[in-house]
Protein backbone atom coordinates (compact mmCIF):
# COMPACT_ATOMS: atom_id res chain seq x y z
CA MET A 1 11.20 -19.19 -22.98
CA THR A 2 7.68 -19.49 -21.61
CA PRO A 3 6.50 -16.23 -19.96
CA GLN A 4 5.85 -16.39 -16.22
CA ARG A 5 2.17 -16.77 -15.40
CA THR A 6 2.60 -15.80 -11.75
CA ILE A 7 5.23 -13.78 -9.93
CA PRO A 8 6.03 -13.22 -6.25
CA PHE A 9 5.19 -9.88 -4.67
CA GLU A 10 5.39 -8.20 -1.29
CA LYS A 11 3.13 -5.60 0.31
CA TYR A 12 4.74 -2.67 2.14
CA HIS A 13 3.40 0.51 3.61
CA GLY A 14 4.81 3.73 5.01
CA THR A 15 2.36 5.31 7.47
CA GLY A 16 -0.53 3.73 5.61
CA ASN A 17 0.65 4.66 2.10
CA ASP A 18 0.66 1.11 0.72
CA PHE A 19 2.35 -0.50 -2.25
CA VAL A 20 2.53 -3.79 -4.10
CA VAL A 21 6.27 -4.39 -4.50
CA VAL A 22 7.55 -6.45 -7.44
CA ASP A 23 11.17 -7.36 -8.23
CA ALA A 24 11.75 -5.99 -11.74
CA ASP A 25 13.59 -9.22 -12.60
CA HIS A 26 10.12 -10.74 -12.93
CA PRO A 27 8.64 -9.48 -16.23
CA VAL A 28 5.13 -8.02 -16.29
CA PRO A 29 3.85 -7.63 -19.86
CA ASN A 30 1.55 -4.70 -19.18
CA ARG A 31 2.53 -2.73 -16.10
CA PRO A 32 -0.32 -0.16 -16.31
CA ALA A 33 -2.97 -2.91 -16.52
CA PHE A 34 -1.25 -4.82 -13.70
CA ALA A 35 -1.28 -1.76 -11.44
CA THR A 36 -4.86 -0.82 -12.26
CA ALA A 37 -6.11 -4.32 -11.48
CA TYR A 38 -4.22 -4.99 -8.26
CA CYS A 39 -4.48 -1.49 -6.79
CA ASP A 40 -8.28 -1.49 -7.03
CA ARG A 41 -9.67 -0.85 -3.54
CA THR A 42 -12.59 -3.26 -4.04
CA THR A 43 -11.18 -6.15 -6.06
CA GLY A 44 -7.40 -5.71 -5.79
CA VAL A 45 -4.68 -7.50 -3.86
CA SER A 46 -5.28 -8.55 -0.27
CA GLY A 47 -3.66 -10.74 2.36
CA SER A 48 -5.20 -13.10 4.88
CA ASP A 49 -4.25 -10.84 7.79
CA SER A 50 -4.64 -7.55 5.92
CA GLU A 51 -7.38 -5.05 6.65
CA THR A 52 -6.90 -3.30 3.31
CA VAL A 53 -7.70 -4.27 -0.26
CA GLY A 54 -5.72 -2.85 -3.17
CA ALA A 55 -2.88 -0.36 -2.96
CA ASP A 56 -1.80 3.19 -3.76
CA GLY A 57 0.57 1.93 -6.45
CA VAL A 58 2.94 -0.78 -7.64
CA LEU A 59 6.68 -0.37 -7.03
CA PHE A 60 8.76 -2.17 -9.66
CA LEU A 61 12.23 -2.35 -8.10
CA ALA A 62 15.53 -3.31 -9.76
CA LEU A 63 18.28 -4.00 -7.24
CA GLU A 64 21.90 -3.32 -8.20
CA SER A 65 23.72 -4.87 -5.24
CA SER A 66 27.22 -4.66 -6.76
CA TYR A 67 27.37 -0.96 -5.85
CA ASP A 68 28.44 0.31 -2.44
CA PRO A 69 26.02 1.45 -1.18
CA PRO A 70 23.55 -0.70 -3.16
CA ARG A 71 21.22 1.02 -5.62
CA VAL A 72 17.56 0.47 -6.44
CA VAL A 73 15.94 1.66 -9.64
CA MET A 74 12.37 2.54 -8.60
CA THR A 75 9.43 2.81 -10.95
CA LEU A 76 6.07 3.63 -9.37
CA VAL A 77 3.06 2.80 -11.52
CA GLN A 78 -0.09 4.36 -10.09
CA PRO A 79 -3.64 2.99 -10.04
CA ASP A 80 -4.53 4.95 -13.19
CA GLY A 81 -1.58 3.39 -15.03
CA SER A 82 0.60 6.50 -15.01
CA VAL A 83 4.19 6.64 -13.72
CA ALA A 84 4.97 9.02 -10.85
CA ALA A 85 8.33 10.80 -10.94
CA MET A 86 8.77 10.57 -7.17
CA CYS A 87 7.07 9.13 -4.10
CA GLY A 88 8.56 9.74 -0.67
CA ASN A 89 6.88 6.89 1.15
CA GLY A 90 7.46 4.62 -1.85
CA ALA A 91 11.17 5.44 -1.74
CA ARG A 92 11.27 4.58 1.96
CA CYS A 93 9.58 1.25 1.23
CA ALA A 94 12.04 0.60 -1.60
CA ALA A 95 14.94 1.19 0.80
CA ALA A 96 13.50 -1.28 3.33
CA TRP A 97 12.99 -3.84 0.55
CA ALA A 98 16.63 -3.43 -0.49
CA ARG A 99 17.90 -3.79 3.08
CA ASN A 100 16.05 -7.09 3.41
CA ARG A 101 18.17 -8.35 0.49
CA THR A 102 21.53 -6.76 1.26
CA ASP A 103 21.60 -5.88 4.99
CA ALA A 104 22.73 -2.38 3.95
CA ASP A 105 21.70 0.52 6.16
CA VAL A 106 22.30 3.07 3.36
CA VAL A 107 20.62 2.68 -0.04
CA MET A 108 20.66 4.88 -3.15
CA ILE A 109 17.33 5.06 -4.96
CA ASP A 110 17.18 6.05 -8.63
CA THR A 111 13.87 7.70 -9.55
CA PRO A 112 12.69 9.75 -12.55
CA ALA A 113 13.03 12.81 -10.27
CA GLY A 114 16.68 12.04 -9.47
CA THR A 115 18.77 9.84 -7.18
CA ARG A 116 17.80 9.86 -3.50
CA ARG A 117 19.87 8.63 -0.55
CA ALA A 118 18.04 6.64 2.14
CA VAL A 119 19.30 5.78 5.62
CA LEU A 120 17.71 2.96 7.62
CA ASP A 121 17.58 2.79 11.41
CA GLY A 122 15.41 -0.01 12.80
CA ASP A 123 11.95 0.26 11.27
CA GLU A 124 12.48 3.93 10.38
CA VAL A 125 13.78 5.18 7.05
CA THR A 126 15.02 8.68 6.26
CA VAL A 127 15.14 9.62 2.59
CA GLU A 128 16.49 12.71 0.88
CA MET A 129 13.77 14.41 -1.14
CA GLY A 130 15.64 16.95 -3.26
CA VAL A 131 15.33 20.72 -2.96
CA PRO A 132 11.70 21.92 -3.11
CA SER A 133 11.09 24.38 -5.94
CA PHE A 134 8.49 27.11 -6.30
CA GLU A 135 9.72 28.03 -9.79
CA PRO A 136 6.87 27.97 -12.34
CA ARG A 137 8.88 25.88 -14.82
CA ASP A 138 9.56 23.26 -12.15
CA VAL A 139 6.06 22.86 -10.73
CA PRO A 140 5.08 23.32 -13.65
CA LEU A 141 2.67 26.23 -13.91
CA ALA A 142 0.95 27.76 -16.90
CA ASP A 143 2.05 31.23 -15.71
CA GLU A 144 5.51 32.77 -15.48
CA ASP A 145 5.14 33.86 -11.85
CA PRO A 146 5.24 31.66 -8.73
CA LEU A 147 1.85 30.78 -7.29
CA VAL A 148 1.95 31.78 -3.62
CA GLU A 149 -1.18 32.19 -1.51
CA GLU A 150 -3.51 32.67 -4.47
CA ALA A 151 -7.09 31.51 -4.98
CA VAL A 152 -7.48 28.54 -7.31
CA GLU A 153 -10.93 27.03 -7.69
CA GLY A 154 -12.11 28.33 -4.32
CA LEU A 155 -9.07 27.44 -2.20
CA THR A 156 -6.04 29.62 -1.40
CA VAL A 157 -3.01 27.58 -2.42
CA THR A 158 0.75 27.73 -2.88
CA ALA A 159 2.36 25.62 -5.61
CA VAL A 160 5.60 23.73 -5.02
CA ASN A 161 7.41 20.79 -6.58
CA THR A 162 8.80 18.23 -4.10
CA GLY A 163 9.53 15.62 -6.76
CA VAL A 164 5.95 15.96 -7.99
CA PRO A 165 3.72 19.07 -7.98
CA HIS A 166 1.59 20.02 -4.99
CA ALA A 167 -0.97 22.73 -4.42
CA VAL A 168 -0.86 23.33 -0.65
CA ALA A 169 -3.58 25.12 1.31
CA PHE A 170 -3.47 25.92 5.02
CA VAL A 171 -6.91 25.63 6.61
CA ASP A 172 -8.31 25.89 10.13
CA ASP A 173 -9.12 22.17 10.39
CA VAL A 174 -8.27 19.54 7.79
CA ASP A 175 -11.17 17.39 8.98
CA GLU A 176 -13.63 20.08 7.94
CA VAL A 177 -12.48 19.95 4.29
CA ASP A 178 -14.53 17.84 1.86
CA LEU A 179 -11.39 16.87 -0.03
CA GLU A 180 -13.09 14.58 -2.55
CA THR A 181 -15.20 17.56 -3.68
CA VAL A 182 -12.73 20.42 -3.28
CA ALA A 183 -9.60 18.79 -4.72
CA PRO A 184 -10.53 17.60 -8.26
CA PRO A 185 -11.16 21.10 -9.72
CA ILE A 186 -7.75 22.22 -8.40
CA ARG A 187 -6.04 19.01 -9.51
CA HIS A 188 -7.25 19.72 -13.10
CA ALA A 189 -7.08 23.54 -13.01
CA ASP A 190 -5.65 25.38 -16.02
CA ARG A 191 -2.91 26.81 -13.77
CA PHE A 192 -1.44 23.29 -13.64
CA PRO A 193 -0.93 22.08 -17.24
CA ARG A 194 0.21 18.63 -16.08
CA GLY A 195 -2.13 18.46 -13.11
CA THR A 196 -1.22 18.58 -9.43
CA ASN A 197 -1.60 16.82 -6.13
CA VAL A 198 -3.77 18.76 -3.68
CA THR A 199 -2.71 18.94 -0.04
CA VAL A 200 -4.45 20.64 2.87
CA ALA A 201 -2.79 21.23 6.23
CA SER A 202 -3.67 22.74 9.59
CA GLU A 203 -1.42 23.66 12.49
CA GLU A 204 -1.47 21.31 15.48
CA GLY A 205 0.85 21.95 18.42
CA ASP A 206 4.41 22.12 17.11
CA GLY A 207 3.49 20.47 13.81
CA PHE A 208 0.83 20.08 11.16
CA ARG A 209 -1.95 17.71 10.26
CA GLN A 210 -2.11 16.81 6.58
CA ARG A 211 -4.47 15.32 4.02
CA THR A 212 -3.60 14.80 0.35
CA PHE A 213 -5.62 14.05 -2.78
CA GLU A 214 -3.09 12.30 -5.01
CA ARG A 215 -2.82 12.69 -8.76
CA GLY A 216 -2.71 9.22 -10.32
CA VAL A 217 -4.55 7.66 -7.39
CA GLU A 218 -7.35 10.16 -8.03
CA GLY A 219 -8.38 10.12 -4.42
CA GLU A 220 -7.18 10.71 -0.88
CA THR A 221 -4.43 8.49 0.51
CA ARG A 222 -3.65 7.74 4.14
CA SER A 223 -0.23 9.31 3.77
CA CYS A 224 1.75 11.20 1.13
CA GLY A 225 5.47 11.80 1.67
CA THR A 226 5.93 14.39 -1.07
CA GLY A 227 2.85 16.12 0.33
CA ALA A 228 4.29 16.20 3.84
CA VAL A 229 7.47 17.78 2.51
CA ALA A 230 5.36 20.24 0.52
CA VAL A 231 3.53 21.28 3.70
CA VAL A 232 6.78 22.15 5.46
CA ALA A 233 8.32 23.79 2.38
CA VAL A 234 5.29 26.06 2.01
CA ALA A 235 5.13 26.71 5.77
CA LYS A 236 8.75 27.82 5.61
CA ARG A 237 8.05 30.03 2.59
CA LEU A 238 5.23 31.68 4.55
CA GLY A 239 7.37 32.16 7.67
CA LEU A 240 5.56 29.59 9.82
CA VAL A 241 8.63 27.38 10.47
CA GLY A 242 12.41 27.58 10.18
CA ASP A 243 15.12 24.97 9.53
CA GLU A 244 14.09 22.69 12.40
CA GLU A 245 12.58 19.23 12.04
CA VAL A 246 8.79 19.44 11.84
CA ARG A 247 6.19 16.77 12.60
CA VAL A 248 3.57 16.28 9.90
CA SER A 249 0.67 13.94 10.63
CA PRO A 250 -1.36 12.47 7.77
CA PRO A 251 -4.15 10.04 8.73
CA GLY A 252 -1.75 7.06 8.62
CA GLY A 253 0.78 8.25 11.20
CA ASP A 254 3.52 10.75 11.98
CA LEU A 255 6.30 11.81 9.62
CA THR A 256 9.28 14.03 10.40
CA ILE A 257 10.33 16.59 7.80
CA ARG A 258 13.24 18.98 7.52
CA VAL A 259 13.56 21.61 4.78
CA PRO A 260 16.93 23.37 5.18
CA ASP A 261 18.04 26.36 3.12
CA ARG A 262 19.53 25.36 -0.25
CA ASP A 263 19.93 21.69 0.69
CA GLU A 264 18.04 18.43 0.39
CA ALA A 265 14.77 18.15 2.28
CA THR A 266 14.43 14.95 4.30
CA LEU A 267 11.49 12.70 5.10
CA ARG A 268 11.62 10.28 8.04
CA GLY A 269 9.10 7.71 9.21
CA PRO A 270 8.35 4.02 9.78
CA VAL A 271 8.02 1.30 7.14
CA VAL A 272 6.10 -1.96 7.56
CA ARG A 273 6.36 -5.13 5.47
CA ALA A 274 2.79 -6.41 5.61
CA PHE A 275 2.70 -9.71 3.70
CA GLU A 276 3.78 -11.57 0.55
CA GLY A 277 2.19 -13.75 -2.06
CA GLU A 278 1.91 -14.43 -5.79
CA LEU A 279 -0.02 -12.61 -8.51
CA GLU A 280 -0.98 -13.40 -12.09
CA THR A 281 1.21 -11.38 -14.45
CA VAL A 282 -1.84 -10.83 -16.69
CA PRO A 283 -4.70 -10.16 -14.27
CA ALA A 284 -8.20 -11.29 -15.16
CA LEU A 285 -10.37 -8.43 -16.37
CA GLU A 286 -13.59 -7.63 -14.55
CA PRO A 287 -16.69 -8.39 -16.68
């Protein structure tokens, strides 16, 4: 059988966190190279009506529609070619993609971090995010004690795993933080043997503003769902919030988070299907 030279794709985003979405039934010989090429913010994928070039990752989705509710096996390959265990906004986009094929308003999403249940209501998707963990073995940390409000590379952070690791710092004003300078030393700090995402947050009204430097993207994204959950989980640990729903606002829009005691955290927000097209399965390399 002759390998496919081109495959269809769709572009989705959740509050600005954008993804190339590929049906896993269409084989891609080298997924890391595919993601690196098409996620590039200068030369990557774009649509005629799109203001953005590239993406924050490629979602390879395998739909299992014979189940009730239907299931989606989600693999997120990041711009650096690595695979992320979990992505909150990616999971919400995966659920919307599945609904467009099944009309289901409940979808189960299988990720390397576990199975997550998603509920769809109009253009909003709520996804379960697991139980946040501060345990050193779960983050993971190099030390045997939790990292709570400690200085790491010049910033006071708390470490939590919300599917992927986050170092969260509360600051007076997120806009005053030079994240591209401050985050990389923390992202690669010895305290985090597998690296970490770096999230800063500041209180605003009854919620928080958020910015995240994402591991694997190696830069700031317009929204990070696991980071938004991490903000609320850490805020709860520090006594800033309780069990109520909390608004978290990354640059791309508002998300609603709930972190109950000993139960699944939830992430709610809008999803947009931006455009579709076709891509070469083996992208041309830049000279």
